[in-house]
């Protein structure tokens, strides 16, 4: 019986690894300009519900969810499986949004993408505390890009206790207006 459990666990772990590797590959297709739309653009990008990369990642995970609901018996194994996928997915998203320079209009696109990812995570059978913490953290990343320097100072001051200062600094330095006096004063406080 132990050998069978070991094999099932290995298959589940391999499935988690494949899902996260594929998600990472999909996220790697994000264009550097997705979060830095040009000012001469007619603003039509704001009508998009999310970036194409977000749509692809969302579609991939949306197709997987029902398959695993039928493949794994409901209970602790299923909960553990979705928790591990969600934990890895959250980590990938945190790393992903640290890679891109973001202007003010792009911050809106970041927020739209994060909203879509949050909807996806909320639809999974996850522990309520984990879901709330993850959704709040992802939402906060979006806010770091869309608020002005004074509001940013207040947000950073309010979140500094719950966040690693180095991580906060990384997100703030990805703002296109990082060279302004207001944002520099926020960074110096970190």
Protein backbone atom coordinates (compact mmCIF):
# COMPACT_ATOMS: atom_id res chain seq x y z
CA UNK A 1 0.00 0.00 0.00
CA UNK A 2 2.86 2.37 0.81
CA UNK A 3 4.40 1.76 -2.60
CA UNK A 4 1.11 2.68 -4.27
CA UNK A 5 0.78 5.86 -2.19
CA UNK A 6 4.36 6.75 -3.04
CA UNK A 7 3.66 6.35 -6.77
CA UNK A 8 0.46 8.40 -6.57
CA UNK A 9 2.32 11.15 -4.70
CA UNK A 10 5.07 11.10 -7.33
CA UNK A 11 2.49 11.44 -10.11
CA UNK A 12 0.79 14.34 -8.31
CA UNK A 13 4.12 16.08 -7.70
CA UNK A 14 5.09 15.60 -11.34
CA UNK A 15 1.72 17.05 -12.38
CA UNK A 16 2.31 20.10 -10.17
CA UNK A 17 5.79 20.56 -11.65
CA UNK A 18 4.46 20.31 -15.21
CA UNK A 19 1.64 22.79 -14.51
CA UNK A 20 4.02 25.32 -12.96
CA UNK A 21 6.63 24.88 -15.69
CA UNK A 22 4.02 25.41 -18.38
CA UNK A 23 2.64 28.43 -16.51
CA UNK A 24 6.15 29.85 -16.34
CA UNK A 25 6.56 29.29 -20.08
CA UNK A 26 3.26 31.05 -20.77
CA UNK A 27 4.19 33.99 -18.53
CA UNK A 28 7.52 34.27 -20.37
CA UNK A 29 5.53 35.28 -23.47
CA UNK A 30 4.55 38.58 -21.82
CA UNK A 31 5.70 41.47 -24.00
CA UNK A 32 7.86 44.10 -22.34
CA UNK A 33 5.58 46.76 -23.82
CA UNK A 34 2.35 45.31 -22.37
CA UNK A 35 2.76 47.43 -19.26
CA UNK A 36 4.27 50.45 -21.00
CA UNK A 37 1.76 51.48 -23.64
CA UNK A 38 2.88 54.53 -25.59
CA UNK A 39 1.24 57.89 -25.02
CA UNK A 40 0.47 58.32 -28.73
CA UNK A 41 -1.72 55.21 -28.54
CA UNK A 42 -5.43 55.99 -28.91
CA UNK A 43 -6.17 54.40 -25.53
CA UNK A 44 -7.81 51.33 -27.05
CA UNK A 45 -5.54 49.09 -24.96
CA UNK A 46 -7.49 50.18 -21.87
CA UNK A 47 -10.58 48.51 -23.30
CA UNK A 48 -8.87 45.11 -23.08
CA UNK A 49 -9.94 43.06 -20.10
CA UNK A 50 -6.40 41.69 -19.69
CA UNK A 51 -3.19 41.22 -21.63
CA UNK A 52 -3.03 38.30 -24.09
CA UNK A 53 -0.58 36.50 -21.80
CA UNK A 54 -2.97 36.74 -18.88
CA UNK A 55 -5.78 35.41 -21.07
CA UNK A 56 -3.65 32.43 -22.09
CA UNK A 57 -2.59 31.62 -18.51
CA UNK A 58 -6.18 31.98 -17.30
CA UNK A 59 -7.49 29.71 -20.07
CA UNK A 60 -4.83 27.07 -19.30
CA UNK A 61 -5.65 26.95 -15.59
CA UNK A 62 -9.38 27.14 -16.21
CA UNK A 63 -9.17 23.99 -18.37
CA UNK A 64 -7.07 22.15 -15.78
CA UNK A 65 -9.30 22.78 -12.78
CA UNK A 66 -12.27 20.62 -13.85
CA UNK A 67 -9.95 17.86 -15.05
CA UNK A 68 -8.32 17.53 -11.65
CA UNK A 69 -11.66 17.74 -9.87
CA UNK A 70 -12.67 14.56 -11.67
CA UNK A 71 -9.23 12.87 -11.52
CA UNK A 72 -8.55 13.29 -7.79
CA UNK A 73 -11.01 12.18 -5.14
CA UNK A 74 -12.30 15.16 -3.16
CA UNK A 75 -10.62 15.40 0.20
CA UNK A 76 -7.20 16.16 1.64
CA UNK A 77 -5.28 15.05 -1.48
CA UNK A 78 -7.25 17.36 -3.74
CA UNK A 79 -6.98 20.27 -1.30
CA UNK A 80 -3.25 19.71 -0.94
CA UNK A 81 -2.82 19.47 -4.71
CA UNK A 82 -4.62 22.77 -5.39
CA UNK A 83 -2.81 24.45 -2.50
CA UNK A 84 0.58 23.44 -3.95
CA UNK A 85 -0.39 24.62 -7.44
CA UNK A 86 -1.74 27.90 -6.03
CA UNK A 87 1.38 28.46 -3.92
CA UNK A 88 3.63 27.91 -6.93
CA UNK A 89 1.39 30.04 -9.15
CA UNK A 90 1.46 32.89 -6.62
CA UNK A 91 5.27 32.71 -6.47
CA UNK A 92 5.48 32.78 -10.27
CA UNK A 93 3.22 35.84 -10.37
CA UNK A 94 5.26 37.68 -7.73
CA UNK A 95 8.43 37.01 -9.73
CA UNK A 96 6.74 37.81 -13.03
CA UNK A 97 5.63 41.31 -12.10
CA UNK A 98 9.08 42.19 -10.80
CA UNK A 99 10.46 41.88 -14.35
CA UNK A 100 8.55 44.65 -16.11
CA UNK A 101 8.90 48.40 -16.27
CA UNK A 102 5.43 49.88 -15.76
CA UNK A 103 4.09 53.32 -16.66
CA UNK A 104 0.86 54.83 -15.31
CA UNK A 105 -1.36 53.41 -18.07
CA UNK A 106 0.47 50.09 -17.86
CA UNK A 107 -0.32 50.01 -14.15
CA UNK A 108 -3.97 49.78 -15.11
CA UNK A 109 -3.16 46.75 -17.28
CA UNK A 110 -1.20 45.19 -14.40
CA UNK A 111 -4.23 45.71 -12.17
CA UNK A 112 -6.54 44.14 -14.76
CA UNK A 113 -4.28 41.11 -15.12
CA UNK A 114 -4.00 40.70 -11.35
CA UNK A 115 -7.77 40.94 -11.01
CA UNK A 116 -8.14 38.11 -13.52
CA UNK A 117 -5.55 35.98 -11.70
CA UNK A 118 -7.33 36.69 -8.40
CA UNK A 119 -10.65 35.55 -9.89
CA UNK A 120 -8.96 32.34 -10.97
CA UNK A 121 -7.50 31.66 -7.52
CA UNK A 122 -10.81 32.45 -5.82
CA UNK A 123 -12.53 29.83 -8.00
CA UNK A 124 -10.29 27.04 -6.70
CA UNK A 125 -11.03 25.04 -3.57
CA UNK A 126 -8.43 26.71 -1.35
CA UNK A 127 -8.16 27.53 2.31
CA UNK A 128 -9.95 30.85 2.91
CA UNK A 129 -6.97 32.38 4.75
CA UNK A 130 -4.60 31.50 1.91
CA UNK A 131 -6.98 32.88 -0.70
CA UNK A 132 -7.53 36.13 1.20
CA UNK A 133 -3.81 36.64 1.83
CA UNK A 134 -2.90 35.90 -1.78
CA UNK A 135 -5.62 38.07 -3.28
CA UNK A 136 -4.68 40.95 -0.99
CA UNK A 137 -0.98 40.65 -1.83
CA UNK A 138 -1.57 40.48 -5.58
CA UNK A 139 -3.99 43.40 -5.44
CA UNK A 140 -1.43 45.41 -3.51
CA UNK A 141 1.16 44.85 -6.23
CA UNK A 142 -1.22 46.43 -8.73
CA UNK A 143 -1.79 49.39 -6.43
CA UNK A 144 1.95 50.02 -6.17
CA UNK A 145 1.92 50.82 -9.89
CA UNK A 146 -1.20 52.97 -10.22
CA UNK A 147 -1.08 55.35 -7.27
CA UNK A 148 0.76 58.66 -7.24
CA UNK A 149 3.93 59.21 -5.18
CA UNK A 150 2.14 60.59 -2.09
CA UNK A 151 -0.37 57.73 -2.00
CA UNK A 152 2.49 55.32 -2.68
CA UNK A 153 4.28 56.61 0.42
CA UNK A 154 1.18 55.88 2.51
CA UNK A 155 0.70 52.42 0.99
CA UNK A 156 4.33 51.49 1.57
CA UNK A 157 4.17 52.79 5.14
CA UNK A 158 1.03 50.74 5.77
CA UNK A 159 2.37 47.55 4.19
CA UNK A 160 6.02 47.67 5.24
CA UNK A 161 5.35 45.57 8.34
CA UNK A 162 3.80 42.71 6.35
CA UNK A 163 6.12 42.80 3.35
CA UNK A 164 9.79 42.30 2.91
CA UNK A 165 11.24 45.79 2.27
CA UNK A 166 13.46 44.43 -0.52
CA UNK A 167 10.40 43.07 -2.35
CA UNK A 168 8.54 46.36 -1.96
CA UNK A 169 11.60 48.18 -3.26
CA UNK A 170 11.79 45.89 -6.29
CA UNK A 171 8.21 46.62 -7.33
CA UNK A 172 8.53 50.37 -6.74
CA UNK A 173 11.74 50.56 -8.81
CA UNK A 174 9.87 49.05 -11.77
CA UNK A 175 7.67 52.14 -11.98
CA UNK A 176 8.51 54.28 -14.98
CA UNK A 177 8.44 57.41 -12.79
CA UNK A 178 11.07 55.98 -10.42
CA UNK A 179 13.36 58.94 -11.13
CA UNK A 180 10.90 61.54 -9.81
CA UNK A 181 11.47 63.20 -6.46
CA UNK A 182 8.28 61.74 -4.96
CA UNK A 183 9.10 58.13 -5.81
CA UNK A 184 12.75 58.59 -4.82
CA UNK A 185 11.65 59.79 -1.39
CA UNK A 186 9.54 56.63 -1.03
CA UNK A 187 12.52 54.48 -2.01
CA UNK A 188 14.78 56.25 0.47
CA UNK A 189 12.29 55.43 3.22
CA UNK A 190 12.55 51.75 2.32
